[in-house]
N, C-alpha and C. Protein backbone atom coordinates (compact mmCIF):
# COMPACT_ATOMS: atom_id res chain seq x y z
N MET A 1 79.13 94.87 105.87
CA MET A 1 80.37 95.43 105.38
C MET A 1 80.38 96.91 105.73
N LYS A 2 81.50 97.38 106.25
CA LYS A 2 81.66 98.78 106.62
C LYS A 2 82.24 99.58 105.46
N ASN A 3 81.86 100.83 105.38
CA ASN A 3 82.48 101.77 104.44
C ASN A 3 83.56 102.54 105.17
N ILE A 4 84.67 102.80 104.48
CA ILE A 4 85.74 103.60 105.06
C ILE A 4 86.11 104.70 104.07
N THR A 5 86.73 105.74 104.56
CA THR A 5 87.20 106.83 103.72
C THR A 5 88.72 106.87 103.80
N LEU A 6 89.37 106.95 102.65
CA LEU A 6 90.82 107.00 102.59
C LEU A 6 91.27 108.29 101.94
N ALA A 7 92.40 108.80 102.37
CA ALA A 7 93.03 109.94 101.71
C ALA A 7 94.25 109.40 100.97
N VAL A 8 94.29 109.63 99.65
CA VAL A 8 95.37 109.11 98.81
C VAL A 8 95.85 110.23 97.91
N GLU A 9 97.15 110.29 97.69
CA GLU A 9 97.72 111.28 96.77
C GLU A 9 97.08 111.12 95.39
N ASP A 10 96.86 112.23 94.70
CA ASP A 10 96.23 112.21 93.38
C ASP A 10 97.00 111.34 92.39
N GLU A 11 98.33 111.45 92.41
CA GLU A 11 99.15 110.68 91.47
C GLU A 11 99.03 109.18 91.74
N VAL A 12 99.00 108.81 93.01
CA VAL A 12 98.87 107.40 93.39
C VAL A 12 97.52 106.87 92.93
N LEU A 13 96.47 107.63 93.17
CA LEU A 13 95.13 107.19 92.78
C LEU A 13 95.02 107.03 91.27
N ALA A 14 95.63 107.92 90.52
CA ALA A 14 95.58 107.82 89.05
C ALA A 14 96.24 106.53 88.58
N VAL A 15 97.39 106.21 89.14
CA VAL A 15 98.09 104.98 88.75
C VAL A 15 97.28 103.76 89.15
N VAL A 16 96.72 103.77 90.35
CA VAL A 16 95.95 102.62 90.84
C VAL A 16 94.67 102.44 90.03
N ARG A 17 94.04 103.52 89.64
CA ARG A 17 92.84 103.40 88.80
C ARG A 17 93.17 102.75 87.46
N LYS A 18 94.29 103.14 86.85
CA LYS A 18 94.71 102.52 85.59
C LYS A 18 95.00 101.04 85.80
N TYR A 19 95.68 100.71 86.89
CA TYR A 19 95.98 99.31 87.19
C TYR A 19 94.69 98.52 87.38
N ALA A 20 93.76 99.08 88.14
CA ALA A 20 92.49 98.39 88.39
C ALA A 20 91.73 98.15 87.09
N ALA A 21 91.67 99.16 86.23
CA ALA A 21 90.96 99.01 84.96
C ALA A 21 91.62 97.94 84.09
N ALA A 22 92.94 97.93 84.07
CA ALA A 22 93.67 96.94 83.26
C ALA A 22 93.48 95.53 83.81
N ASN A 23 93.15 95.39 85.08
CA ASN A 23 92.99 94.08 85.71
C ASN A 23 91.53 93.77 86.02
N ASP A 24 90.62 94.48 85.35
CA ASP A 24 89.18 94.22 85.45
C ASP A 24 88.68 94.22 86.90
N THR A 25 89.09 95.23 87.65
CA THR A 25 88.63 95.37 89.02
C THR A 25 88.47 96.86 89.32
N THR A 26 88.29 97.19 90.56
CA THR A 26 88.14 98.59 90.98
C THR A 26 89.17 98.89 92.07
N VAL A 27 89.34 100.17 92.35
CA VAL A 27 90.22 100.56 93.45
C VAL A 27 89.66 99.97 94.75
N ASN A 28 88.36 100.05 94.92
CA ASN A 28 87.71 99.48 96.09
C ASN A 28 88.00 97.98 96.19
N GLY A 29 87.92 97.29 95.07
CA GLY A 29 88.20 95.85 95.06
C GLY A 29 89.64 95.55 95.43
N LEU A 30 90.57 96.37 94.93
CA LEU A 30 91.98 96.18 95.27
C LEU A 30 92.23 96.39 96.76
N VAL A 31 91.64 97.45 97.32
CA VAL A 31 91.81 97.74 98.75
C VAL A 31 91.19 96.61 99.57
N ARG A 32 89.99 96.17 99.20
CA ARG A 32 89.31 95.09 99.92
C ARG A 32 90.16 93.81 99.89
N GLU A 33 90.71 93.48 98.72
CA GLU A 33 91.54 92.28 98.58
C GLU A 33 92.80 92.39 99.44
N TYR A 34 93.45 93.55 99.39
CA TYR A 34 94.67 93.75 100.17
C TYR A 34 94.40 93.64 101.67
N LEU A 35 93.35 94.30 102.13
CA LEU A 35 93.04 94.26 103.56
C LEU A 35 92.67 92.85 103.99
N GLY A 36 91.98 92.11 103.13
CA GLY A 36 91.65 90.72 103.44
C GLY A 36 92.89 89.87 103.58
N LYS A 37 93.84 90.03 102.64
CA LYS A 37 95.10 89.28 102.71
C LYS A 37 95.87 89.65 103.97
N LEU A 38 95.89 90.92 104.30
CA LEU A 38 96.60 91.38 105.49
C LEU A 38 96.00 90.75 106.74
N ALA A 39 94.68 90.72 106.83
CA ALA A 39 94.02 90.13 108.00
C ALA A 39 94.28 88.63 108.08
N ARG A 40 94.24 87.93 106.94
CA ARG A 40 94.51 86.48 106.94
C ARG A 40 95.95 86.19 107.35
N HIS A 41 96.88 86.98 106.82
CA HIS A 41 98.29 86.79 107.16
C HIS A 41 98.52 87.01 108.65
N HIS A 42 97.92 88.06 109.18
CA HIS A 42 98.06 88.36 110.60
C HIS A 42 97.51 87.21 111.43
N GLY A 43 96.38 86.66 111.02
CA GLY A 43 95.78 85.54 111.74
C GLY A 43 96.67 84.30 111.71
N ARG A 44 97.26 84.01 110.54
CA ARG A 44 98.15 82.85 110.42
C ARG A 44 99.41 83.05 111.25
N ALA A 45 99.95 84.26 111.23
CA ALA A 45 101.16 84.54 112.01
C ALA A 45 100.88 84.40 113.51
N ALA A 46 99.74 84.89 113.95
CA ALA A 46 99.39 84.77 115.37
C ALA A 46 99.22 83.30 115.76
N GLU A 47 98.61 82.52 114.89
CA GLU A 47 98.43 81.09 115.16
C GLU A 47 99.78 80.38 115.19
N ALA A 48 100.67 80.74 114.29
CA ALA A 48 102.01 80.13 114.27
C ALA A 48 102.76 80.46 115.56
N ARG A 49 102.64 81.68 116.04
CA ARG A 49 103.29 82.06 117.30
C ARG A 49 102.74 81.24 118.47
N LYS A 50 101.41 81.06 118.49
CA LYS A 50 100.79 80.26 119.56
C LYS A 50 101.31 78.83 119.52
N GLN A 51 101.41 78.26 118.31
CA GLN A 51 101.90 76.88 118.18
C GLN A 51 103.35 76.78 118.62
N LEU A 52 104.16 77.76 118.27
CA LEU A 52 105.57 77.75 118.67
C LEU A 52 105.71 77.83 120.19
N ILE A 53 104.92 78.67 120.81
CA ILE A 53 104.95 78.78 122.27
C ILE A 53 104.51 77.47 122.91
N ALA A 54 103.46 76.85 122.35
CA ALA A 54 102.99 75.56 122.89
C ALA A 54 104.07 74.49 122.76
N LEU A 55 104.76 74.45 121.62
CA LEU A 55 105.85 73.49 121.45
C LEU A 55 106.97 73.73 122.45
N ALA A 56 107.31 74.98 122.66
CA ALA A 56 108.37 75.31 123.61
C ALA A 56 107.98 74.89 125.02
N GLU A 57 106.71 75.08 125.37
CA GLU A 57 106.25 74.70 126.71
C GLU A 57 106.22 73.19 126.88
N GLN A 58 106.01 72.43 125.79
CA GLN A 58 105.96 70.97 125.85
C GLN A 58 107.35 70.35 125.78
N SER A 59 108.34 71.12 125.43
CA SER A 59 109.69 70.60 125.24
C SER A 59 110.25 70.02 126.53
N THR A 60 110.94 68.90 126.40
CA THR A 60 111.57 68.28 127.56
C THR A 60 113.05 68.66 127.66
N CYS A 61 113.51 69.48 126.75
CA CYS A 61 114.91 69.91 126.75
C CYS A 61 115.14 70.87 127.92
N ASP A 62 116.18 70.59 128.69
CA ASP A 62 116.54 71.47 129.80
C ASP A 62 118.04 71.70 129.76
N PRO A 63 118.47 72.78 129.14
CA PRO A 63 119.91 73.01 129.03
C PRO A 63 120.56 73.43 130.35
N GLY A 64 119.80 73.68 131.37
CA GLY A 64 120.37 74.08 132.66
C GLY A 64 120.24 75.57 132.88
N GLU A 65 120.40 75.96 134.13
CA GLU A 65 120.21 77.37 134.50
C GLU A 65 121.24 78.30 133.87
N ASN A 66 122.49 77.90 133.88
CA ASN A 66 123.56 78.79 133.44
C ASN A 66 123.95 78.60 131.98
N TRP A 67 123.16 77.87 131.24
CA TRP A 67 123.49 77.57 129.85
C TRP A 67 123.24 78.79 128.97
N LYS A 68 124.17 79.04 128.06
CA LYS A 68 123.97 80.07 127.04
C LYS A 68 124.81 79.71 125.83
N TRP A 69 124.44 80.26 124.68
CA TRP A 69 125.20 80.01 123.46
C TRP A 69 126.59 80.62 123.60
N ASP A 70 127.58 79.91 123.09
CA ASP A 70 128.88 80.53 122.95
C ASP A 70 129.28 80.45 121.48
N ARG A 71 130.18 81.27 121.08
CA ARG A 71 130.52 81.40 119.67
C ARG A 71 131.00 80.07 119.07
N GLU A 72 131.82 79.33 119.80
CA GLU A 72 132.32 78.06 119.28
C GLU A 72 131.20 77.07 119.03
N ALA A 73 130.27 76.98 119.96
CA ALA A 73 129.15 76.04 119.80
C ALA A 73 128.28 76.43 118.62
N LEU A 74 128.08 77.72 118.42
CA LEU A 74 127.24 78.17 117.31
C LEU A 74 127.84 77.80 115.97
N TYR A 75 129.16 77.92 115.83
CA TYR A 75 129.79 77.71 114.54
C TYR A 75 130.42 76.34 114.39
N ASP A 76 130.34 75.49 115.40
CA ASP A 76 130.88 74.14 115.32
C ASP A 76 129.77 73.22 114.85
N ARG A 77 129.55 73.21 113.53
CA ARG A 77 128.46 72.44 112.94
C ARG A 77 129.01 71.52 111.87
N GLY A 78 128.20 70.53 111.51
CA GLY A 78 128.59 69.57 110.49
C GLY A 78 128.30 70.02 109.08
N VAL A 79 128.03 71.29 108.87
CA VAL A 79 127.79 71.81 107.52
C VAL A 79 128.99 72.65 107.12
N PHE A 80 129.06 72.98 105.84
CA PHE A 80 130.21 73.76 105.38
C PHE A 80 130.22 75.12 106.06
N SER A 81 131.38 75.61 106.30
CA SER A 81 131.49 76.92 106.95
C SER A 81 131.52 78.01 105.89
N ARG A 82 131.14 79.20 106.28
CA ARG A 82 131.04 80.31 105.33
C ARG A 82 132.38 80.67 104.72
N HIS A 83 133.46 80.56 105.48
CA HIS A 83 134.74 80.98 104.93
C HIS A 83 135.22 80.05 103.83
N GLU A 84 134.68 78.83 103.76
CA GLU A 84 135.08 77.89 102.72
C GLU A 84 134.29 78.08 101.43
N HIS A 85 133.19 78.79 101.49
CA HIS A 85 132.31 78.95 100.33
C HIS A 85 131.91 80.41 100.18
N SER A 86 132.66 81.13 99.37
CA SER A 86 132.39 82.56 99.23
C SER A 86 131.01 82.83 98.65
N ALA A 87 130.46 81.88 97.88
CA ALA A 87 129.14 82.10 97.29
C ALA A 87 128.07 82.21 98.37
N VAL A 88 128.27 81.56 99.49
CA VAL A 88 127.33 81.64 100.58
C VAL A 88 127.31 83.05 101.16
N ARG A 89 128.46 83.72 101.10
CA ARG A 89 128.54 85.09 101.59
C ARG A 89 127.99 86.08 100.57
N GLY A 90 127.70 85.61 99.35
CA GLY A 90 127.13 86.49 98.35
C GLY A 90 128.14 87.13 97.43
N PHE A 91 129.38 86.62 97.39
CA PHE A 91 130.40 87.23 96.55
C PHE A 91 130.45 86.63 95.15
N GLU A 92 129.81 85.52 94.91
CA GLU A 92 129.81 84.90 93.58
C GLU A 92 128.68 85.49 92.74
N GLU A 93 128.84 85.43 91.44
CA GLU A 93 127.78 85.86 90.54
C GLU A 93 126.65 84.83 90.60
N PRO A 94 125.40 85.25 90.46
CA PRO A 94 124.29 84.31 90.46
C PRO A 94 124.46 83.28 89.35
N GLY A 95 124.16 82.04 89.67
CA GLY A 95 124.21 80.97 88.68
C GLY A 95 125.56 80.29 88.57
N THR A 96 126.60 80.82 89.21
CA THR A 96 127.89 80.15 89.15
C THR A 96 127.96 79.10 90.25
N PRO A 97 128.62 77.97 89.96
CA PRO A 97 128.69 76.92 90.98
C PRO A 97 129.58 77.36 92.14
N PHE A 98 129.37 76.73 93.29
CA PHE A 98 130.21 77.02 94.45
C PHE A 98 131.64 76.64 94.14
N LYS A 99 132.56 77.53 94.45
CA LYS A 99 133.98 77.26 94.27
C LYS A 99 134.69 77.63 95.55
N LYS A 100 135.72 76.89 95.86
CA LYS A 100 136.51 77.24 97.04
C LYS A 100 137.23 78.55 96.76
N ASP A 101 137.10 79.46 97.68
CA ASP A 101 137.74 80.76 97.55
C ASP A 101 139.09 80.70 98.24
N ASP A 102 140.17 80.62 97.47
CA ASP A 102 141.51 80.47 98.03
C ASP A 102 142.06 81.78 98.59
N SER A 103 141.36 82.88 98.39
CA SER A 103 141.87 84.17 98.86
C SER A 103 141.65 84.37 100.35
N ASP A 104 140.79 83.53 100.97
CA ASP A 104 140.51 83.70 102.41
C ASP A 104 141.57 83.08 103.27
């Protein structure tokens, strides 16, 4: 295990020391845990990217050379459209059921 030196604002260190004491750990333990989580997350994300690239390379889909998304194709779906459900746009209060917004 390597030792590292960190520079931290005095106020930040004071708060973190109190947090560590209240959670039966140390500042060193908190930093070690955070860095471990960061490294694991980075490893999982890199693996997910590799798998996605492998899936794309194995795909038999060939949309053609000149194919590209157009606006109609993107929004021509079998699900409800945003203009019919204002709650999807975030205008409804949390917890209220979806209602048709007649103002659109």
